[in-house]
Amino acid sequence: MRFAAIADVHGNYLALEAVIADIRAQQIEKIVNLGDMARGPLDGRRTMDMLMALDAVHVLGNHDRYLIDRASEAMGSWDRPVHAQLEVRHLDWLRGVPPTRVFEDAVYLCHATPLSDETYWLETVQPDGAVRLSPAETIAQAATGIAQSLILCGHTHIQRAVQLRDGRMIVNPGSVGSPGYRDVVPFPHAMEAGTPDARYAILERRDGQWHVTFRHVPYDHDAMAALARQNGHPDLASALATGWITRA
């Protein structure tokens, strides 16, 4: 069994194009998408058209949910502009995407954690804003009741693989389209990938063991950084251009 996992495209259609091309170059046909597809100051409509046409297994991210579970005036500054870009067909399609699912009876898929699409799983934010690997016990507790040997999540945009003591593996493939962002929950912090490349993961089961390969794919990130800057988001522009959030 061999397939690709993508997550957190966030409206970056150029990064998505590059990742899909790289997946095909690896002769991989099966793709799972872990959500947060359109949100961001880039091109949500074009990205959604690409994802809806892609033969993939999708789960809903928290920002996908925000586009369909509330009025536009209640949306955040990154969601409201995307909502205006999308058509009824995009929103109807998102309404049909589940928050979790099992892929080929072997892989559990979620956006953030099995019970929440907004909670960090593999990372913990400290009061001083430092981001660290979560304690093993905390990670394992959130996986209670999941029978599959491979669990995939996204949300934090950080590529990471963690093996639980019982042998199950949890993998975050990283973000296709957003290598950095700021947040204030639970404490102000920045998530930074350190390079502007688009990211995804290849998962393969051989002799009963899961193997993960993290891929970094160059693309025209400067074009996306220029679009973010044009749309008034300098932090994202910095992340797209460099992989780092510019600090004042």
Protein backbone atom coordinates (compact mmCIF):
# COMPACT_ATOMS: atom_id res chain seq x y z
CA MET A 1 0.00 0.00 0.00
CA ARG A 2 1.45 3.34 -1.06
CA PHE A 3 -0.22 6.74 -1.16
CA ALA A 4 0.35 10.48 -0.68
CA ALA A 5 -1.02 12.71 2.08
CA ILE A 6 -1.55 16.44 1.62
CA ALA A 7 -2.94 19.02 4.04
CA ASP A 8 -3.44 22.74 4.60
CA VAL A 9 -3.37 23.99 1.03
CA HIS A 10 -4.91 27.30 2.15
CA GLY A 11 -5.75 28.65 -1.28
CA ASN A 12 -2.22 28.27 -2.67
CA TYR A 13 -2.98 26.79 -6.07
CA LEU A 14 0.60 27.08 -7.37
CA ALA A 15 1.90 25.01 -4.46
CA LEU A 16 -0.89 22.49 -5.02
CA GLU A 17 -0.04 22.21 -8.72
CA ALA A 18 3.61 21.55 -7.87
CA VAL A 19 2.75 18.93 -5.24
CA ILE A 20 0.33 17.07 -7.51
CA ALA A 21 2.97 17.03 -10.26
CA ASP A 22 5.54 15.65 -7.80
CA ILE A 23 3.10 12.99 -6.59
CA ARG A 24 2.50 11.87 -10.17
CA ALA A 25 6.26 11.86 -10.82
CA GLN A 26 6.57 9.41 -7.91
CA GLN A 27 4.01 7.22 -9.73
CA ILE A 28 1.51 7.53 -6.89
CA GLU A 29 -2.18 7.42 -7.76
CA LYS A 30 -3.88 7.52 -4.35
CA ILE A 31 -4.10 10.80 -2.41
CA VAL A 32 -5.70 11.78 0.89
CA ASN A 33 -6.34 15.43 1.75
CA LEU A 34 -6.54 16.41 5.43
CA GLY A 35 -8.37 19.71 5.05
CA ASP A 36 -8.05 23.50 5.29
CA MET A 37 -8.31 23.81 1.55
CA ALA A 38 -9.24 27.36 0.58
CA ARG A 39 -8.82 29.69 3.54
CA GLY A 40 -6.28 32.48 3.14
CA PRO A 41 -5.65 35.68 1.14
CA LEU A 42 -4.67 33.84 -2.05
CA ASP A 43 -7.01 32.14 -4.56
CA GLY A 44 -9.55 29.95 -2.82
CA ARG A 45 -11.80 29.52 -5.84
CA ARG A 46 -9.08 28.22 -8.15
CA THR A 47 -7.77 25.94 -5.41
CA MET A 48 -11.20 24.50 -4.70
CA ASP A 49 -11.74 23.79 -8.39
CA MET A 50 -8.48 21.85 -8.44
CA LEU A 51 -9.27 19.86 -5.30
CA MET A 52 -12.83 19.05 -6.38
CA ALA A 53 -11.45 17.68 -9.66
CA LEU A 54 -8.77 15.64 -7.89
CA ASP A 55 -9.44 11.94 -7.37
CA ALA A 56 -8.68 12.00 -3.65
CA VAL A 57 -10.16 11.17 -0.24
CA HIS A 58 -10.91 14.38 1.67
CA VAL A 59 -11.65 15.35 5.26
CA LEU A 60 -12.88 18.74 6.46
CA GLY A 61 -10.57 21.20 8.19
CA ASN A 62 -11.63 23.79 10.75
CA HIS A 63 -11.42 26.61 8.22
CA ASP A 64 -13.40 24.58 5.71
CA ARG A 65 -16.05 24.20 8.40
CA TYR A 66 -16.05 27.93 9.13
CA LEU A 67 -17.06 28.54 5.51
CA ILE A 68 -20.25 26.50 5.87
CA ASP A 69 -21.35 26.68 9.52
CA ARG A 70 -21.68 30.44 10.08
CA ALA A 71 -22.76 33.68 8.47
CA SER A 72 -20.10 35.58 6.54
CA GLU A 73 -20.14 38.47 9.03
CA ALA A 74 -19.16 36.01 11.77
CA MET A 75 -16.14 34.74 9.84
CA GLY A 76 -12.54 35.72 10.50
CA SER A 77 -10.42 38.01 8.34
CA TRP A 78 -8.98 35.07 6.38
CA ASP A 79 -12.29 33.27 5.86
CA ARG A 80 -14.60 36.10 4.83
CA PRO A 81 -12.71 37.00 1.61
CA VAL A 82 -12.52 33.35 0.59
CA HIS A 83 -16.24 32.87 1.19
CA ALA A 84 -16.87 35.74 -1.22
CA GLN A 85 -14.74 34.00 -3.88
CA LEU A 86 -16.59 30.69 -3.69
CA GLU A 87 -19.78 29.65 -5.45
CA VAL A 88 -22.67 27.61 -4.12
CA ARG A 89 -21.19 24.50 -5.77
CA HIS A 90 -17.98 24.84 -3.76
CA LEU A 91 -19.85 25.25 -0.48
CA ASP A 92 -22.23 22.40 -1.24
CA TRP A 93 -19.25 20.16 -1.97
CA LEU A 94 -17.64 21.09 1.36
CA ARG A 95 -20.89 20.23 3.15
CA GLY A 96 -20.49 16.67 1.90
CA VAL A 97 -16.94 16.24 3.25
CA PRO A 98 -16.74 14.42 6.62
CA PRO A 99 -14.53 15.63 9.50
CA THR A 100 -12.90 12.20 9.93
CA ARG A 101 -12.81 8.98 7.96
CA VAL A 102 -10.92 5.70 7.53
CA PHE A 103 -8.96 5.18 4.32
CA GLU A 104 -8.89 1.65 2.91
CA ASP A 105 -9.63 0.16 6.35
CA ALA A 106 -6.04 0.90 7.39
CA VAL A 107 -5.52 4.65 7.93
CA TYR A 108 -7.42 7.03 10.20
CA LEU A 109 -7.78 10.57 8.80
CA CYS A 110 -8.56 13.76 10.69
CA HIS A 111 -7.62 17.41 10.39
CA ALA A 112 -6.34 18.19 13.89
CA THR A 113 -7.36 15.50 16.41
CA PRO A 114 -10.07 12.84 16.30
CA LEU A 115 -12.38 14.90 18.55
CA SER A 116 -11.48 18.47 17.55
CA ASP A 117 -10.58 20.21 14.30
CA GLU A 118 -8.97 23.11 16.20
CA THR A 119 -6.65 21.45 18.73
CA TYR A 120 -2.92 20.94 18.26
CA TRP A 121 -2.06 17.25 18.63
CA LEU A 122 1.67 16.69 18.15
CA GLU A 123 2.75 20.18 19.25
CA THR A 124 2.22 22.15 22.46
CA VAL A 125 2.51 25.93 22.77
CA GLN A 126 4.26 27.18 25.91
CA PRO A 127 3.23 30.40 27.69
CA ASP A 128 6.29 32.15 26.23
CA GLY A 129 5.22 31.22 22.69
CA ALA A 130 7.71 28.40 22.23
CA VAL A 131 6.33 25.42 20.28
CA ARG A 132 7.45 21.98 21.41
CA LEU A 133 6.68 18.33 20.79
CA SER A 134 3.73 17.31 22.95
CA PRO A 135 4.33 14.77 25.76
CA ALA A 136 4.02 11.15 24.66
CA GLU A 137 1.20 10.51 27.11
CA THR A 138 -0.82 13.45 25.80
CA ILE A 139 -0.40 12.32 22.19
CA ALA A 140 -1.37 8.75 23.03
CA GLN A 141 -4.43 9.79 25.02
CA ALA A 142 -5.90 11.61 22.00
CA ALA A 143 -5.48 8.40 19.97
CA THR A 144 -7.58 6.31 22.38
CA GLY A 145 -10.00 4.04 20.58
CA ILE A 146 -8.41 4.31 17.13
CA ALA A 147 -7.72 0.83 15.81
CA GLN A 148 -5.79 1.77 12.67
CA SER A 149 -2.00 1.46 12.79
CA LEU A 150 -1.49 4.73 10.89
CA ILE A 151 -3.14 8.02 11.88
CA LEU A 152 -2.84 11.17 9.77
CA CYS A 153 -3.49 14.73 10.92
CA GLY A 154 -2.67 18.25 9.74
CA HIS A 155 -3.56 21.68 11.18
CA THR A 156 -0.20 22.81 12.62
CA HIS A 157 1.57 22.86 9.21
CA ILE A 158 4.62 21.12 10.73
CA GLN A 159 5.90 17.88 9.23
CA ARG A 160 6.24 15.33 11.98
CA ALA A 161 6.01 11.59 12.63
CA VAL A 162 5.45 10.15 16.10
CA GLN A 163 5.39 6.47 16.96
CA LEU A 164 3.29 5.49 19.95
CA ARG A 165 4.46 2.87 22.42
CA ASP A 166 1.94 0.39 21.01
CA GLY A 167 3.46 0.73 17.53
CA ARG A 168 0.83 3.00 15.96
CA MET A 169 2.23 5.93 14.02
CA ILE A 170 0.83 9.46 13.79
CA VAL A 171 2.00 11.60 10.86
CA ASN A 172 1.47 15.23 9.94
CA PRO A 173 2.48 15.70 6.27
CA GLY A 174 3.05 19.44 6.67
CA SER A 175 1.37 22.23 4.76
CA VAL A 176 1.16 22.32 1.00
CA GLY A 177 0.50 26.04 0.82
CA SER A 178 1.26 27.90 4.05
CA PRO A 179 4.74 27.46 5.57
CA GLY A 180 4.04 29.83 8.47
CA TYR A 181 1.34 31.64 10.40
CA ARG A 182 0.64 33.45 13.66
CA ASP A 183 -2.00 32.51 16.22
CA VAL A 184 -2.96 33.64 19.71
CA VAL A 185 -4.47 30.41 21.07
CA PRO A 186 -3.58 29.17 23.63
CA PHE A 187 -0.78 31.77 23.75
CA PRO A 188 0.61 34.07 21.05
CA HIS A 189 2.99 32.08 18.85
CA ALA A 190 4.26 31.58 15.31
CA MET A 191 4.42 28.31 13.42
CA GLU A 192 7.29 28.35 10.92
CA ALA A 193 8.49 25.66 8.52
CA GLY A 194 11.83 27.34 7.79
CA THR A 195 11.71 27.07 3.98
CA PRO A 196 9.10 28.21 1.45
CA ASP A 197 8.72 24.80 -0.19
CA ALA A 198 5.37 23.06 -0.57
CA ARG A 199 5.21 19.98 1.65
CA TYR A 200 3.50 16.61 1.67
CA ALA A 201 4.21 13.02 2.71
CA ILE A 202 4.40 9.63 1.04
CA LEU A 203 3.20 6.71 3.18
CA GLU A 204 4.01 3.12 2.35
CA ARG A 205 3.34 -0.12 4.19
CA ARG A 206 5.98 -2.79 3.63
CA ASP A 207 6.22 -6.06 5.55
CA GLY A 208 3.66 -4.81 8.05
CA GLN A 209 5.57 -1.60 8.80
CA TRP A 210 4.66 1.96 7.83
CA HIS A 211 7.35 4.04 6.17
CA VAL A 212 7.01 7.82 5.81
CA THR A 213 8.89 10.04 3.37
CA PHE A 214 8.52 13.79 3.76
CA ARG A 215 8.71 15.72 0.50
CA HIS A 216 9.68 19.38 0.02
CA VAL A 217 8.70 20.71 -3.41
CA PRO A 218 10.01 24.01 -4.82
CA TYR A 219 7.53 26.16 -6.75
CA ASP A 220 7.01 29.84 -7.63
CA HIS A 221 6.52 30.91 -4.02
CA ASP A 222 7.45 34.51 -4.82
CA ALA A 223 4.30 34.83 -6.93
CA MET A 224 2.16 33.68 -4.01
CA ALA A 225 4.06 35.95 -1.60
CA ALA A 226 3.35 38.89 -3.91
CA LEU A 227 -0.35 37.99 -3.94
CA ALA A 228 -0.48 37.79 -0.14
CA ARG A 229 1.28 41.15 0.12
CA GLN A 230 -1.09 42.69 -2.43
CA ASN A 231 -4.03 41.42 -0.37
CA GLY A 232 -2.69 43.02 2.81
CA HIS A 233 -1.13 40.06 4.66
CA PRO A 234 2.58 40.77 5.20
CA ASP A 235 3.11 37.93 7.71
CA LEU A 236 1.89 35.34 5.23
CA ALA A 237 3.86 37.04 2.45
CA SER A 238 7.01 36.63 4.57
CA ALA A 239 6.24 32.98 5.27
CA LEU A 240 5.54 32.23 1.61
CA ALA A 241 8.74 33.97 0.51
CA THR A 242 11.11 32.55 3.16
CA GLY A 243 9.40 29.99 5.41
CA TRP A 244 9.69 32.43 8.34
CA ILE A 245 7.38 35.05 9.85
CA THR A 246 9.00 38.49 9.85
CA ARG A 247 9.39 39.74 13.40
CA ALA A 248 9.09 43.44 14.21
